[in-house]
C-alpha atoms as a PDB file:
ATOM      1  CA  UNK A   1      45.428 109.897  84.365  1.00  0.00           C
ATOM      2  CA  UNK A   2      46.485 113.525  84.011  1.00  0.00           C
ATOM      3  CA  UNK A   3      48.361 114.749  80.980  1.00  0.00           C
ATOM      4  CA  UNK A   4      52.015 115.600  81.742  1.00  0.00           C
ATOM      5  CA  UNK A   5      51.371 119.214  80.699  1.00  0.00           C
ATOM      6  CA  UNK A   6      48.916 119.458  83.626  1.00  0.00           C
ATOM      7  CA  UNK A   7      51.379 118.138  86.218  1.00  0.00           C
ATOM      8  CA  UNK A   8      53.396 120.431  88.460  1.00  0.00           C
ATOM      9  CA  UNK A   9      57.067 121.035  87.728  1.00  0.00           C
ATOM     10  CA  UNK A  10      59.324 118.380  89.304  1.00  0.00           C
ATOM     11  CA  UNK A  11      56.541 115.760  89.120  1.00  0.00           C
ATOM     12  CA  UNK A  12      57.344 112.133  88.343  1.00  0.00           C
ATOM     13  CA  UNK A  13      55.039 109.556  86.755  1.00  0.00           C
ATOM     14  CA  UNK A  14      55.815 105.825  86.902  1.00  0.00           C
ATOM     15  CA  UNK A  15      54.379 103.056  84.721  1.00  0.00           C
ATOM     16  CA  UNK A  16      55.815  99.583  85.306  1.00  0.00           C
ATOM     17  CA  UNK A  17      54.867  96.036  84.422  1.00  0.00           C
ATOM     18  CA  UNK A  18      52.835  93.955  86.848  1.00  0.00           C
ATOM     19  CA  UNK A  19      54.759  92.930  89.989  1.00  0.00           C
ATOM     20  CA  UNK A  20      57.723  95.225  89.217  1.00  0.00           C
ATOM     21  CA  UNK A  21      58.277  98.120  91.612  1.00  0.00           C
ATOM     22  CA  UNK A  22      59.778 101.363  90.241  1.00  0.00           C
ATOM     23  CA  UNK A  23      62.915 101.215  92.369  1.00  0.00           C
ATOM     24  CA  UNK A  24      66.405  99.879  91.808  1.00  0.00           C
ATOM     25  CA  UNK A  25      66.050  97.647  94.869  1.00  0.00           C
ATOM     26  CA  UNK A  26      63.425  95.540  93.061  1.00  0.00           C
ATOM     27  CA  UNK A  27      65.223  92.275  92.132  1.00  0.00           C
ATOM     28  CA  UNK A  28      64.050  92.556  88.503  1.00  0.00           C
ATOM     29  CA  UNK A  29      65.483  96.105  88.172  1.00  0.00           C
ATOM     30  CA  UNK A  30      68.585  95.460  90.295  1.00  0.00           C
ATOM     31  CA  UNK A  31      71.028  95.466  87.350  1.00  0.00           C
ATOM     32  CA  UNK A  32      70.060  99.069  86.591  1.00  0.00           C
ATOM     33  CA  UNK A  33      69.471  99.184  82.880  1.00  0.00           C
ATOM     34  CA  UNK A  34      68.136 102.561  81.772  1.00  0.00           C
ATOM     35  CA  UNK A  35      68.116 104.925  78.835  1.00  0.00           C
ATOM     36  CA  UNK A  36      66.626 108.408  78.750  1.00  0.00           C
ATOM     37  CA  UNK A  37      65.038 110.610  76.091  1.00  0.00           C
ATOM     38  CA  UNK A  38      64.518 114.363  76.480  1.00  0.00           C
ATOM     39  CA  UNK A  39      61.564 116.192  74.928  1.00  0.00           C
ATOM     40  CA  UNK A  40      60.580 119.875  74.890  1.00  0.00           C
ATOM     41  CA  UNK A  41      57.731 120.701  77.268  1.00  0.00           C
ATOM     42  CA  UNK A  42      55.357 121.465  74.363  1.00  0.00           C
ATOM     43  CA  UNK A  43      55.611 117.803  73.234  1.00  0.00           C
ATOM     44  CA  UNK A  44      55.100 116.397  76.739  1.00  0.00           C
ATOM     45  CA  UNK A  45      51.606 114.980  76.296  1.00  0.00           C
ATOM     46  CA  UNK A  46      52.249 113.362  72.926  1.00  0.00           C
ATOM     47  CA  UNK A  47      55.675 111.903  73.776  1.00  0.00           C
ATOM     48  CA  UNK A  48      54.377 110.441  77.041  1.00  0.00           C
ATOM     49  CA  UNK A  49      51.296 108.973  75.375  1.00  0.00           C
ATOM     50  CA  UNK A  50      53.276 107.415  72.521  1.00  0.00           C
ATOM     51  CA  UNK A  51      55.841 105.934  74.904  1.00  0.00           C
ATOM     52  CA  UNK A  52      53.163 104.417  77.149  1.00  0.00           C
ATOM     53  CA  UNK A  53      51.292 103.018  74.145  1.00  0.00           C
ATOM     54  CA  UNK A  54      54.516 101.506  72.805  1.00  0.00           C
ATOM     55  CA  UNK A  55      55.120  99.849  76.200  1.00  0.00           C
ATOM     56  CA  UNK A  56      51.570  98.537  76.492  1.00  0.00           C
ATOM     57  CA  UNK A  57      51.516  97.211  72.930  1.00  0.00           C
ATOM     58  CA  UNK A  58      55.048  95.778  73.354  1.00  0.00           C
ATOM     59  CA  UNK A  59      56.299  97.633  70.283  1.00  0.00           C
ATOM     60  CA  UNK A  60      59.907  97.572  71.469  1.00  0.00           C
ATOM     61  CA  UNK A  61      62.292  94.869  70.334  1.00  0.00           C
ATOM     62  CA  UNK A  62      63.326  92.869  73.417  1.00  0.00           C
ATOM     63  CA  UNK A  63      60.100  93.949  75.162  1.00  0.00           C
ATOM     64  CA  UNK A  64      60.694  91.189  77.728  1.00  0.00           C
ATOM     65  CA  UNK A  65      63.772  93.140  78.901  1.00  0.00           C
ATOM     66  CA  UNK A  66      61.791  96.318  79.638  1.00  0.00           C
ATOM     67  CA  UNK A  67      60.583  96.878  83.206  1.00  0.00           C
ATOM     68  CA  UNK A  68      58.704 100.148  82.732  1.00  0.00           C
ATOM     69  CA  UNK A  69      58.978 103.874  82.141  1.00  0.00           C
ATOM     70  CA  UNK A  70      59.482 106.980  84.267  1.00  0.00           C
ATOM     71  CA  UNK A  71      58.355 110.425  83.120  1.00  0.00           C
ATOM     72  CA  UNK A  72      60.011 113.404  84.850  1.00  0.00           C
ATOM     73  CA  UNK A  73      58.543 116.891  84.369  1.00  0.00           C
ATOM     74  CA  UNK A  74      61.427 119.366  84.662  1.00  0.00           C
ATOM     75  CA  UNK A  75      61.261 123.039  83.745  1.00  0.00           C
ATOM     76  CA  UNK A  76      61.112 123.430  79.978  1.00  0.00           C
ATOM     77  CA  UNK A  77      61.500 119.745  79.167  1.00  0.00           C
ATOM     78  CA  UNK A  78      60.406 116.297  80.160  1.00  0.00           C
ATOM     79  CA  UNK A  79      62.585 113.244  80.512  1.00  0.00           C
ATOM     80  CA  UNK A  80      61.306 109.780  79.716  1.00  0.00           C
ATOM     81  CA  UNK A  81      63.419 106.906  80.991  1.00  0.00           C
ATOM     82  CA  UNK A  82      62.912 103.320  79.943  1.00  0.00           C
ATOM     83  CA  UNK A  83      64.132 100.936  82.624  1.00  0.00           C
ATOM     84  CA  UNK A  84      65.467  97.575  81.487  1.00  0.00           C
ATOM     85  CA  UNK A  85      66.318  94.451  83.447  1.00  0.00           C
ATOM     86  CA  UNK A  86      70.035  94.471  82.777  1.00  0.00           C
ATOM     87  CA  UNK A  87      72.426  97.340  81.996  1.00  0.00           C
ATOM     88  CA  UNK A  88      75.020  94.936  80.613  1.00  0.00           C
ATOM     89  CA  UNK A  89      72.711  93.524  77.913  1.00  0.00           C
ATOM     90  CA  UNK A  90      73.970  95.888  75.198  1.00  0.00           C
ATOM     91  CA  UNK A  91      72.089  94.153  72.372  1.00  0.00           C
ATOM     92  CA  UNK A  92      68.739  94.558  74.115  1.00  0.00           C
ATOM     93  CA  UNK A  93      69.577  98.093  75.186  1.00  0.00           C
ATOM     94  CA  UNK A  94      70.509  99.167  71.660  1.00  0.00           C
ATOM     95  CA  UNK A  95      67.526  97.435  70.012  1.00  0.00           C
ATOM     96  CA  UNK A  96      65.019  98.725  72.608  1.00  0.00           C
ATOM     97  CA  UNK A  97      65.743 102.370  71.893  1.00  0.00           C
ATOM     98  CA  UNK A  98      63.116 102.600  69.179  1.00  0.00           C
ATOM     99  CA  UNK A  99      59.865 100.722  68.814  1.00  0.00           C
ATOM    100  CA  UNK A 100      59.502  98.288  65.937  1.00  0.00           C
ATOM    101  CA  UNK A 101      57.144 100.797  64.289  1.00  0.00           C
ATOM    102  CA  UNK A 102      57.832 104.553  64.242  1.00  0.00           C
ATOM    103  CA  UNK A 103      55.531 105.342  67.157  1.00  0.00           C
ATOM    104  CA  UNK A 104      57.831 107.927  68.735  1.00  0.00           C
ATOM    105  CA  UNK A 105      58.421 109.989  65.624  1.00  0.00           C
ATOM    106  CA  UNK A 106      57.764 113.617  66.546  1.00  0.00           C
ATOM    107  CA  UNK A 107      56.655 116.338  64.161  1.00  0.00           C
ATOM    108  CA  UNK A 108      56.272 120.049  64.789  1.00  0.00           C
ATOM    109  CA  UNK A 109      52.670 121.202  64.427  1.00  0.00           C
END
């Protein structure tokens, strides 16, 4: 896998659970739950890595509601979107925004 900093501008990277396709037409993703975080380009590799590790290790509350993640490389920033099964499940959406442990905490180096 290439680091996001090595990908061309306007690249997209998808990481979804087994048997879930990264498209809204997939029956599991059909209710279009999604939330997005924006990171400066200089934090692209670390933020992507930490998000993927949090998904793999199921560090999010309501991990069963999460379908996968999409990383978009755009100009001077990257966007990471976490797709959930249901946009109307506000409790899961609110609780899934941060992992149970502070994996996504970013520090300037």
